[in-house]
Amino acid sequence: EKQVKRATRAAYGVTLAELAAEGLPVV
């Protein structure tokens, strides 16, 4: 896993989508 590089910003949109799918009223 340490060999995989990802930006912290890459987590933003996908995590918001997951939260929305879980029923949270995120915008």
mmCIF file of all heavy atoms, coordinates in Angstrom:
data_MODEL
# 
_entry.id   MODEL 
# 
loop_
_atom_site.group_PDB 
_atom_site.id 
_atom_site.type_symbol 
_atom_site.label_atom_id 
_atom_site.label_alt_id 
_atom_site.label_comp_id 
_atom_site.label_asym_id 
_atom_site.label_entity_id 
_atom_site.label_seq_id 
_atom_site.pdbx_PDB_ins_code 
_atom_site.Cartn_x 
_atom_site.Cartn_y 
_atom_site.Cartn_z 
_atom_site.occupancy 
_atom_site.B_iso_or_equiv 
_atom_site.pdbx_formal_charge 
_atom_site.auth_seq_id 
_atom_site.auth_comp_id 
_atom_site.auth_asym_id 
_atom_site.auth_atom_id 
_atom_site.pdbx_PDB_model_num 
ATOM 1   N N   . GLU A 1 1  ? 0.824   -1.213 0.000  1.00 0.00 ? 1  GLU A N   1 
ATOM 2   C CA  . GLU A 1 1  ? 0.000   0.000  0.000  1.00 0.00 ? 1  GLU A CA  1 
ATOM 3   C C   . GLU A 1 1  ? 0.854   1.257  0.000  1.00 0.00 ? 1  GLU A C   1 
ATOM 4   O O   . GLU A 1 1  ? 0.464   2.281  -0.568 1.00 0.00 ? 1  GLU A O   1 
ATOM 5   C CB  . GLU A 1 1  ? -0.939  -0.002 1.204  1.00 0.00 ? 1  GLU A CB  1 
ATOM 6   C CG  . GLU A 1 1  ? -2.079  -1.003 1.100  1.00 0.00 ? 1  GLU A CG  1 
ATOM 7   C CD  . GLU A 1 1  ? -2.904  -1.083 2.364  1.00 0.00 ? 1  GLU A CD  1 
ATOM 8   O OE1 . GLU A 1 1  ? -2.324  -0.958 3.464  1.00 0.00 ? 1  GLU A OE1 1 
ATOM 9   O OE2 . GLU A 1 1  ? -4.124  -1.279 2.256  1.00 0.00 ? 1  GLU A OE2 1 
ATOM 10  N N   . LYS A 1 2  ? 2.009   1.194  0.634  1.00 0.00 ? 2  LYS A N   1 
ATOM 11  C CA  . LYS A 1 2  ? 2.887   2.371  0.693  1.00 0.00 ? 2  LYS A CA  1 
ATOM 12  C C   . LYS A 1 2  ? 3.410   2.763  -0.688 1.00 0.00 ? 2  LYS A C   1 
ATOM 13  O O   . LYS A 1 2  ? 3.826   3.905  -0.892 1.00 0.00 ? 2  LYS A O   1 
ATOM 14  C CB  . LYS A 1 2  ? 4.066   2.097  1.630  1.00 0.00 ? 2  LYS A CB  1 
ATOM 15  C CG  . LYS A 1 2  ? 3.689   2.069  3.099  1.00 0.00 ? 2  LYS A CG  1 
ATOM 16  C CD  . LYS A 1 2  ? 4.889   1.768  3.972  1.00 0.00 ? 2  LYS A CD  1 
ATOM 17  C CE  . LYS A 1 2  ? 4.511   1.699  5.441  1.00 0.00 ? 2  LYS A CE  1 
ATOM 18  N NZ  . LYS A 1 2  ? 5.666   1.362  6.300  1.00 0.00 ? 2  LYS A NZ  1 
ATOM 19  N N   . GLN A 1 3  ? 3.399   1.836  -1.605 1.00 0.00 ? 3  GLN A N   1 
ATOM 20  C CA  . GLN A 1 3  ? 3.882   2.121  -2.963 1.00 0.00 ? 3  GLN A CA  1 
ATOM 21  C C   . GLN A 1 3  ? 2.859   2.906  -3.782 1.00 0.00 ? 3  GLN A C   1 
ATOM 22  O O   . GLN A 1 3  ? 3.191   3.480  -4.812 1.00 0.00 ? 3  GLN A O   1 
ATOM 23  C CB  . GLN A 1 3  ? 4.217   0.814  -3.690 1.00 0.00 ? 3  GLN A CB  1 
ATOM 24  C CG  . GLN A 1 3  ? 5.233   -0.061 -2.967 1.00 0.00 ? 3  GLN A CG  1 
ATOM 25  C CD  . GLN A 1 3  ? 6.531   0.660  -2.664 1.00 0.00 ? 3  GLN A CD  1 
ATOM 26  O OE1 . GLN A 1 3  ? 7.091   1.322  -3.542 1.00 0.00 ? 3  GLN A OE1 1 
ATOM 27  N NE2 . GLN A 1 3  ? 7.011   0.542  -1.440 1.00 0.00 ? 3  GLN A NE2 1 
ATOM 28  N N   . VAL A 1 4  ? 1.621   2.918  -3.314 1.00 0.00 ? 4  VAL A N   1 
ATOM 29  C CA  . VAL A 1 4  ? 0.542   3.595  -4.048 1.00 0.00 ? 4  VAL A CA  1 
ATOM 30  C C   . VAL A 1 4  ? 0.467   5.047  -3.588 1.00 0.00 ? 4  VAL A C   1 
ATOM 31  O O   . VAL A 1 4  ? 0.245   5.326  -2.412 1.00 0.00 ? 4  VAL A O   1 
ATOM 32  C CB  . VAL A 1 4  ? -0.809  2.900  -3.805 1.00 0.00 ? 4  VAL A CB  1 
ATOM 33  C CG1 . VAL A 1 4  ? -1.917  3.627  -4.562 1.00 0.00 ? 4  VAL A CG1 1 
ATOM 34  C CG2 . VAL A 1 4  ? -0.729  1.437  -4.236 1.00 0.00 ? 4  VAL A CG2 1 
ATOM 35  N N   . LYS A 1 5  ? 0.646   5.965  -4.529 1.00 0.00 ? 5  LYS A N   1 
ATOM 36  C CA  . LYS A 1 5  ? 0.569   7.389  -4.209 1.00 0.00 ? 5  LYS A CA  1 
ATOM 37  C C   . LYS A 1 5  ? -0.769  7.964  -4.666 1.00 0.00 ? 5  LYS A C   1 
ATOM 38  O O   . LYS A 1 5  ? -1.175  7.771  -5.809 1.00 0.00 ? 5  LYS A O   1 
ATOM 39  C CB  . LYS A 1 5  ? 1.709   8.158  -4.882 1.00 0.00 ? 5  LYS A CB  1 
ATOM 40  C CG  . LYS A 1 5  ? 3.084   7.893  -4.286 1.00 0.00 ? 5  LYS A CG  1 
ATOM 41  C CD  . LYS A 1 5  ? 4.114   8.841  -4.888 1.00 0.00 ? 5  LYS A CD  1 
ATOM 42  C CE  . LYS A 1 5  ? 5.467   8.691  -4.225 1.00 0.00 ? 5  LYS A CE  1 
ATOM 43  N NZ  . LYS A 1 5  ? 6.440   9.685  -4.743 1.00 0.00 ? 5  LYS A NZ  1 
ATOM 44  N N   . ARG A 1 6  ? -1.437  8.649  -3.767 1.00 0.00 ? 6  ARG A N   1 
ATOM 45  C CA  . ARG A 1 6  ? -2.700  9.311  -4.080 1.00 0.00 ? 6  ARG A CA  1 
ATOM 46  C C   . ARG A 1 6  ? -2.748  10.651 -3.354 1.00 0.00 ? 6  ARG A C   1 
ATOM 47  O O   . ARG A 1 6  ? -2.240  10.779 -2.235 1.00 0.00 ? 6  ARG A O   1 
ATOM 48  C CB  . ARG A 1 6  ? -3.889  8.443  -3.642 1.00 0.00 ? 6  ARG A CB  1 
ATOM 49  C CG  . ARG A 1 6  ? -4.052  7.157  -4.427 1.00 0.00 ? 6  ARG A CG  1 
ATOM 50  C CD  . ARG A 1 6  ? -5.157  6.279  -3.861 1.00 0.00 ? 6  ARG A CD  1 
ATOM 51  N NE  . ARG A 1 6  ? -4.778  5.703  -2.584 1.00 0.00 ? 6  ARG A NE  1 
ATOM 52  C CZ  . ARG A 1 6  ? -5.510  4.826  -1.916 1.00 0.00 ? 6  ARG A CZ  1 
ATOM 53  N NH1 . ARG A 1 6  ? -6.677  4.434  -2.404 1.00 0.00 ? 6  ARG A NH1 1 
ATOM 54  N NH2 . ARG A 1 6  ? -5.116  4.330  -0.749 1.00 0.00 ? 6  ARG A NH2 1 
ATOM 55  N N   . ALA A 1 7  ? -3.354  11.632 -3.993 1.00 0.00 ? 7  ALA A N   1 
ATOM 56  C CA  . ALA A 1 7  ? -3.500  12.942 -3.369 1.00 0.00 ? 7  ALA A CA  1 
ATOM 57  C C   . ALA A 1 7  ? -4.623  12.916 -2.347 1.00 0.00 ? 7  ALA A C   1 
ATOM 58  O O   . ALA A 1 7  ? -5.615  12.193 -2.517 1.00 0.00 ? 7  ALA A O   1 
ATOM 59  C CB  . ALA A 1 7  ? -3.786  14.003 -4.429 1.00 0.00 ? 7  ALA A CB  1 
ATOM 60  N N   . THR A 1 8  ? -4.486  13.695 -1.297 1.00 0.00 ? 8  THR A N   1 
ATOM 61  C CA  . THR A 1 8  ? -5.562  13.770 -0.310 1.00 0.00 ? 8  THR A CA  1 
ATOM 62  C C   . THR A 1 8  ? -6.836  14.331 -0.948 1.00 0.00 ? 8  THR A C   1 
ATOM 63  O O   . THR A 1 8  ? -7.945  13.923 -0.600 1.00 0.00 ? 8  THR A O   1 
ATOM 64  C CB  . THR A 1 8  ? -5.148  14.621 0.898  1.00 0.00 ? 8  THR A CB  1 
ATOM 65  O OG1 . THR A 1 8  ? -4.618  15.875 0.455  1.00 0.00 ? 8  THR A OG1 1 
ATOM 66  C CG2 . THR A 1 8  ? -4.092  13.908 1.725  1.00 0.00 ? 8  THR A CG2 1 
ATOM 67  N N   . ARG A 1 9  ? -6.688  15.246 -1.910 1.00 0.00 ? 9  ARG A N   1 
ATOM 68  C CA  . ARG A 1 9  ? -7.875  15.826 -2.560 1.00 0.00 ? 9  ARG A CA  1 
ATOM 69  C C   . ARG A 1 9  ? -8.691  14.768 -3.309 1.00 0.00 ? 9  ARG A C   1 
ATOM 70  O O   . ARG A 1 9  ? -9.895  14.916 -3.498 1.00 0.00 ? 9  ARG A O   1 
ATOM 71  C CB  . ARG A 1 9  ? -7.470  16.930 -3.531 1.00 0.00 ? 9  ARG A CB  1 
ATOM 72  C CG  . ARG A 1 9  ? -6.631  16.444 -4.702 1.00 0.00 ? 9  ARG A CG  1 
ATOM 73  C CD  . ARG A 1 9  ? -6.479  17.496 -5.782 1.00 0.00 ? 9  ARG A CD  1 
ATOM 74  N NE  . ARG A 1 9  ? -5.519  17.089 -6.793 1.00 0.00 ? 9  ARG A NE  1 
ATOM 75  C CZ  . ARG A 1 9  ? -5.570  17.479 -8.054 1.00 0.00 ? 9  ARG A CZ  1 
ATOM 76  N NH1 . ARG A 1 9  ? -6.533  18.272 -8.467 1.00 0.00 ? 9  ARG A NH1 1 
ATOM 77  N NH2 . ARG A 1 9  ? -4.654  17.081 -8.913 1.00 0.00 ? 9  ARG A NH2 1 
ATOM 78  N N   . ALA A 1 10 ? -8.039  13.685 -3.737 1.00 0.00 ? 10 ALA A N   1 
ATOM 79  C CA  . ALA A 1 10 ? -8.733  12.636 -4.487 1.00 0.00 ? 10 ALA A CA  1 
ATOM 80  C C   . ALA A 1 10 ? -9.791  11.931 -3.644 1.00 0.00 ? 10 ALA A C   1 
ATOM 81  O O   . ALA A 1 10 ? -10.683 11.269 -4.180 1.00 0.00 ? 10 ALA A O   1 
ATOM 82  C CB  . ALA A 1 10 ? -7.730  11.623 -5.026 1.00 0.00 ? 10 ALA A CB  1 
ATOM 83  N N   . ALA A 1 11 ? -9.701  12.082 -2.330 1.00 0.00 ? 11 ALA A N   1 
ATOM 84  C CA  . ALA A 1 11 ? -10.668 11.440 -1.440 1.00 0.00 ? 11 ALA A CA  1 
ATOM 85  C C   . ALA A 1 11 ? -11.969 12.219 -1.327 1.00 0.00 ? 11 ALA A C   1 
ATOM 86  O O   . ALA A 1 11 ? -12.981 11.678 -0.852 1.00 0.00 ? 11 ALA A O   1 
ATOM 87  C CB  . ALA A 1 11 ? -10.059 11.291 -0.042 1.00 0.00 ? 11 ALA A CB  1 
ATOM 88  N N   . TYR A 1 12 ? -11.954 13.474 -1.764 1.00 0.00 ? 12 TYR A N   1 
ATOM 89  C CA  . TYR A 1 12 ? -13.053 14.388 -1.444 1.00 0.00 ? 12 TYR A CA  1 
ATOM 90  C C   . TYR A 1 12 ? -14.389 13.981 -2.080 1.00 0.00 ? 12 TYR A C   1 
ATOM 91  O O   . TYR A 1 12 ? -15.349 13.610 -1.399 1.00 0.00 ? 12 TYR A O   1 
ATOM 92  C CB  . TYR A 1 12 ? -12.664 15.808 -1.848 1.00 0.00 ? 12 TYR A CB  1 
ATOM 93  C CG  . TYR A 1 12 ? -13.495 16.912 -1.256 1.00 0.00 ? 12 TYR A CG  1 
ATOM 94  C CD1 . TYR A 1 12 ? -14.299 16.703 -0.137 1.00 0.00 ? 12 TYR A CD1 1 
ATOM 95  C CD2 . TYR A 1 12 ? -13.468 18.183 -1.803 1.00 0.00 ? 12 TYR A CD2 1 
ATOM 96  C CE1 . TYR A 1 12 ? -15.040 17.728 0.411  1.00 0.00 ? 12 TYR A CE1 1 
ATOM 97  C CE2 . TYR A 1 12 ? -14.207 19.227 -1.262 1.00 0.00 ? 12 TYR A CE2 1 
ATOM 98  C CZ  . TYR A 1 12 ? -14.991 18.992 -0.154 1.00 0.00 ? 12 TYR A CZ  1 
ATOM 99  O OH  . TYR A 1 12 ? -15.731 20.012 0.381  1.00 0.00 ? 12 TYR A OH  1 
ATOM 100 N N   . GLY A 1 13 ? -14.460 14.040 -3.406 1.00 0.00 ? 13 GLY A N   1 
ATOM 101 C CA  . GLY A 1 13 ? -15.722 13.783 -4.089 1.00 0.00 ? 13 GLY A CA  1 
ATOM 102 C C   . GLY A 1 13 ? -16.267 12.390 -3.849 1.00 0.00 ? 13 GLY A C   1 
ATOM 103 O O   . GLY A 1 13 ? -17.479 12.211 -3.628 1.00 0.00 ? 13 GLY A O   1 
ATOM 104 N N   . VAL A 1 14 ? -15.399 11.379 -3.874 1.00 0.00 ? 14 VAL A N   1 
ATOM 105 C CA  . VAL A 1 14 ? -15.868 10.001 -3.712 1.00 0.00 ? 14 VAL A CA  1 
ATOM 106 C C   . VAL A 1 14 ? -16.416 9.768  -2.306 1.00 0.00 ? 14 VAL A C   1 
ATOM 107 O O   . VAL A 1 14 ? -17.389 9.021  -2.122 1.00 0.00 ? 14 VAL A O   1 
ATOM 108 C CB  . VAL A 1 14 ? -14.752 8.987  -4.036 1.00 0.00 ? 14 VAL A CB  1 
ATOM 109 C CG1 . VAL A 1 14 ? -14.370 9.052  -5.510 1.00 0.00 ? 14 VAL A CG1 1 
ATOM 110 C CG2 . VAL A 1 14 ? -13.521 9.194  -3.152 1.00 0.00 ? 14 VAL A CG2 1 
ATOM 111 N N   . THR A 1 15 ? -15.815 10.404 -1.311 1.00 0.00 ? 15 THR A N   1 
ATOM 112 C CA  . THR A 1 15 ? -16.299 10.231 0.057  1.00 0.00 ? 15 THR A CA  1 
ATOM 113 C C   . THR A 1 15 ? -17.623 10.942 0.259  1.00 0.00 ? 15 THR A C   1 
ATOM 114 O O   . THR A 1 15 ? -18.526 10.428 0.944  1.00 0.00 ? 15 THR A O   1 
ATOM 115 C CB  . THR A 1 15 ? -15.251 10.736 1.067  1.00 0.00 ? 15 THR A CB  1 
ATOM 116 O OG1 . THR A 1 15 ? -13.989 10.106 0.815  1.00 0.00 ? 15 THR A OG1 1 
ATOM 117 C CG2 . THR A 1 15 ? -15.676 10.401 2.489  1.00 0.00 ? 15 THR A CG2 1 
ATOM 118 N N   . LEU A 1 16 ? -17.784 12.112 -0.335 1.00 0.00 ? 16 LEU A N   1 
ATOM 119 C CA  . LEU A 1 16 ? -19.070 12.805 -0.258 1.00 0.00 ? 16 LEU A CA  1 
ATOM 120 C C   . LEU A 1 16 ? -20.173 11.942 -0.878 1.00 0.00 ? 16 LEU A C   1 
ATOM 121 O O   . LEU A 1 16 ? -21.293 11.868 -0.345 1.00 0.00 ? 16 LEU A O   1 
ATOM 122 C CB  . LEU A 1 16 ? -18.996 14.153 -0.969 1.00 0.00 ? 16 LEU A CB  1 
ATOM 123 C CG  . LEU A 1 16 ? -18.154 15.247 -0.309 1.00 0.00 ? 16 LEU A CG  1 
ATOM 124 C CD1 . LEU A 1 16 ? -18.202 16.526 -1.143 1.00 0.00 ? 16 LEU A CD1 1 
ATOM 125 C CD2 . LEU A 1 16 ? -18.633 15.524 1.114  1.00 0.00 ? 16 LEU A CD2 1 
ATOM 126 N N   . ALA A 1 17 ? -19.857 11.283 -2.001 1.00 0.00 ? 17 ALA A N   1 
ATOM 127 C CA  . ALA A 1 17 ? -20.845 10.420 -2.644 1.00 0.00 ? 17 ALA A CA  1 
ATOM 128 C C   . ALA A 1 17 ? -21.223 9.251  -1.739 1.00 0.00 ? 17 ALA A C   1 
ATOM 129 O O   . ALA A 1 17 ? -22.397 8.867  -1.652 1.00 0.00 ? 17 ALA A O   1 
ATOM 130 C CB  . ALA A 1 17 ? -20.309 9.908  -3.977 1.00 0.00 ? 17 ALA A CB  1 
ATOM 131 N N   . GLU A 1 18 ? -20.253 8.689  -1.052 1.00 0.00 ? 18 GLU A N   1 
ATOM 132 C CA  . GLU A 1 18 ? -20.533 7.589  -0.124 1.00 0.00 ? 18 GLU A CA  1 
ATOM 133 C C   . GLU A 1 18 ? -21.424 8.059  1.028  1.00 0.00 ? 18 GLU A C   1 
ATOM 134 O O   . GLU A 1 18 ? -22.364 7.362  1.422  1.00 0.00 ? 18 GLU A O   1 
ATOM 135 C CB  . GLU A 1 18 ? -19.228 7.032  0.430  1.00 0.00 ? 18 GLU A CB  1 
ATOM 136 C CG  . GLU A 1 18 ? -18.416 6.242  -0.581 1.00 0.00 ? 18 GLU A CG  1 
ATOM 137 C CD  . GLU A 1 18 ? -17.110 5.746  -0.007 1.00 0.00 ? 18 GLU A CD  1 
ATOM 138 O OE1 . GLU A 1 18 ? -16.814 6.044  1.171  1.00 0.00 ? 18 GLU A OE1 1 
ATOM 139 O OE2 . GLU A 1 18 ? -16.380 5.056  -0.739 1.00 0.00 ? 18 GLU A OE2 1 
ATOM 140 N N   . LEU A 1 19 ? -21.131 9.238  1.554  1.00 0.00 ? 19 LEU A N   1 
ATOM 141 C CA  . LEU A 1 19 ? -21.927 9.777  2.655  1.00 0.00 ? 19 LEU A CA  1 
ATOM 142 C C   . LEU A 1 19 ? -23.370 10.018 2.210  1.00 0.00 ? 19 LEU A C   1 
ATOM 143 O O   . LEU A 1 19 ? -24.316 9.741  2.955  1.00 0.00 ? 19 LEU A O   1 
ATOM 144 C CB  . LEU A 1 19 ? -21.297 11.070 3.164  1.00 0.00 ? 19 LEU A CB  1 
ATOM 145 C CG  . LEU A 1 19 ? -19.947 10.914 3.873  1.00 0.00 ? 19 LEU A CG  1 
ATOM 146 C CD1 . LEU A 1 19 ? -19.292 12.273 4.098  1.00 0.00 ? 19 LEU A CD1 1 
ATOM 147 C CD2 . LEU A 1 19 ? -20.112 10.189 5.209  1.00 0.00 ? 19 LEU A CD2 1 
ATOM 148 N N   . ALA A 1 20 ? -23.522 10.527 0.980  1.00 0.00 ? 20 ALA A N   1 
ATOM 149 C CA  . ALA A 1 20 ? -24.866 10.752 0.450  1.00 0.00 ? 20 ALA A CA  1 
ATOM 150 C C   . ALA A 1 20 ? -25.617 9.435  0.291  1.00 0.00 ? 20 ALA A C   1 
ATOM 151 O O   . ALA A 1 20 ? -26.813 9.334  0.613  1.00 0.00 ? 20 ALA A O   1 
ATOM 152 C CB  . ALA A 1 20 ? -24.784 11.489 -0.887 1.00 0.00 ? 20 ALA A CB  1 
ATOM 153 N N   . ALA A 1 21 ? -24.907 8.421  -0.188 1.00 0.00 ? 21 ALA A N   1 
ATOM 154 C CA  . ALA A 1 21 ? -25.529 7.105  -0.372 1.00 0.00 ? 21 ALA A CA  1 
ATOM 155 C C   . ALA A 1 21 ? -25.957 6.499  0.959  1.00 0.00 ? 21 ALA A C   1 
ATOM 156 O O   . ALA A 1 21 ? -26.893 5.695  1.020  1.00 0.00 ? 21 ALA A O   1 
ATOM 157 C CB  . ALA A 1 21 ? -24.562 6.172  -1.087 1.00 0.00 ? 21 ALA A CB  1 
ATOM 158 N N   . GLU A 1 22 ? -25.279 6.881  2.022  1.00 0.00 ? 22 GLU A N   1 
ATOM 159 C CA  . GLU A 1 22 ? -25.617 6.395  3.361  1.00 0.00 ? 22 GLU A CA  1 
ATOM 160 C C   . GLU A 1 22 ? -26.761 7.184  3.991  1.00 0.00 ? 22 GLU A C   1 
ATOM 161 O O   . GLU A 1 22 ? -27.179 6.882  5.121  1.00 0.00 ? 22 GLU A O   1 
ATOM 162 C CB  . GLU A 1 22 ? -24.375 6.446  4.255  1.00 0.00 ? 22 GLU A CB  1 
ATOM 163 C CG  . GLU A 1 22 ? -23.289 5.460  3.828  1.00 0.00 ? 22 GLU A CG  1 
ATOM 164 C CD  . GLU A 1 22 ? -21.939 5.751  4.470  1.00 0.00 ? 22 GLU A CD  1 
ATOM 165 O OE1 . GLU A 1 22 ? -21.902 6.523  5.454  1.00 0.00 ? 22 GLU A OE1 1 
ATOM 166 O OE2 . GLU A 1 22 ? -20.930 5.209  3.990  1.00 0.00 ? 22 GLU A OE2 1 
ATOM 167 N N   . GLY A 1 23 ? -27.240 8.203  3.268  1.00 0.00 ? 23 GLY A N   1 
ATOM 168 C CA  . GLY A 1 23 ? -28.392 8.941  3.742  1.00 0.00 ? 23 GLY A CA  1 
ATOM 169 C C   . GLY A 1 23 ? -28.100 10.256 4.414  1.00 0.00 ? 23 GLY A C   1 
ATOM 170 O O   . GLY A 1 23 ? -29.031 10.937 4.869  1.00 0.00 ? 23 GLY A O   1 
ATOM 171 N N   . LEU A 1 24 ? -26.845 10.666 4.485  1.00 0.00 ? 24 LEU A N   1 
ATOM 172 C CA  . LEU A 1 24 ? -26.532 11.952 5.093  1.00 0.00 ? 24 LEU A CA  1 
ATOM 173 C C   . LEU A 1 24 ? -26.892 13.086 4.132  1.00 0.00 ? 24 LEU A C   1 
ATOM 174 O O   . LEU A 1 24 ? -26.660 12.962 2.918  1.00 0.00 ? 24 LEU A O   1 
ATOM 175 C CB  . LEU A 1 24 ? -25.046 12.037 5.457  1.00 0.00 ? 24 LEU A CB  1 
ATOM 176 C CG  . LEU A 1 24 ? -24.655 11.460 6.829  1.00 0.00 ? 24 LEU A CG  1 
ATOM 177 C CD1 . LEU A 1 24 ? -24.793 9.951  6.837  1.00 0.00 ? 24 LEU A CD1 1 
ATOM 178 C CD2 . LEU A 1 24 ? -23.230 11.873 7.202  1.00 0.00 ? 24 LEU A CD2 1 
ATOM 179 N N   . PRO A 1 25 ? -27.412 14.192 4.641  1.00 0.00 ? 25 PRO A N   1 
ATOM 180 C CA  . PRO A 1 25 ? -27.838 15.300 3.775  1.00 0.00 ? 25 PRO A CA  1 
ATOM 181 C C   . PRO A 1 25 ? -26.676 16.205 3.354  1.00 0.00 ? 25 PRO A C   1 
ATOM 182 O O   . PRO A 1 25 ? -26.709 17.418 3.553  1.00 0.00 ? 25 PRO A O   1 
ATOM 183 C CB  . PRO A 1 25 ? -28.845 16.045 4.647  1.00 0.00 ? 25 PRO A CB  1 
ATOM 184 C CG  . PRO A 1 25 ? -28.339 15.839 6.045  1.00 0.00 ? 25 PRO A CG  1 
ATOM 185 C CD  . PRO A 1 25 ? -27.779 14.430 6.054  1.00 0.00 ? 25 PRO A CD  1 
ATOM 186 N N   . VAL A 1 26 ? -25.650 15.599 2.755  1.00 0.00 ? 26 VAL A N   1 
ATOM 187 C CA  . VAL A 1 26 ? -24.485 16.379 2.357  1.00 0.00 ? 26 VAL A CA  1 
ATOM 188 C C   . VAL A 1 26 ? -24.746 17.101 1.036  1.00 0.00 ? 26 VAL A C   1 
ATOM 189 O O   . VAL A 1 26 ? -25.432 16.583 0.145  1.00 0.00 ? 26 VAL A O   1 
ATOM 190 C CB  . VAL A 1 26 ? -23.218 15.498 2.225  1.00 0.00 ? 26 VAL A CB  1 
ATOM 191 C CG1 . VAL A 1 26 ? -22.825 14.918 3.573  1.00 0.00 ? 26 VAL A CG1 1 
ATOM 192 C CG2 . VAL A 1 26 ? -23.419 14.396 1.209  1.00 0.00 ? 26 VAL A CG2 1 
ATOM 193 N N   . VAL A 1 27 ? -24.197 18.293 0.938  1.00 0.00 ? 27 VAL A N   1 
ATOM 194 C CA  . VAL A 1 27 ? -24.181 19.059 -0.299 1.00 0.00 ? 27 VAL A CA  1 
ATOM 195 C C   . VAL A 1 27 ? -22.779 19.613 -0.476 1.00 0.00 ? 27 VAL A C   1 
ATOM 196 O O   . VAL A 1 27 ? -22.027 19.766 0.494  1.00 0.00 ? 27 VAL A O   1 
ATOM 197 C CB  . VAL A 1 27 ? -25.204 20.215 -0.294 1.00 0.00 ? 27 VAL A CB  1 
ATOM 198 C CG1 . VAL A 1 27 ? -26.624 19.692 -0.271 1.00 0.00 ? 27 VAL A CG1 1 
ATOM 199 C CG2 . VAL A 1 27 ? -24.953 21.155 0.895  1.00 0.00 ? 27 VAL A CG2 1 
# 
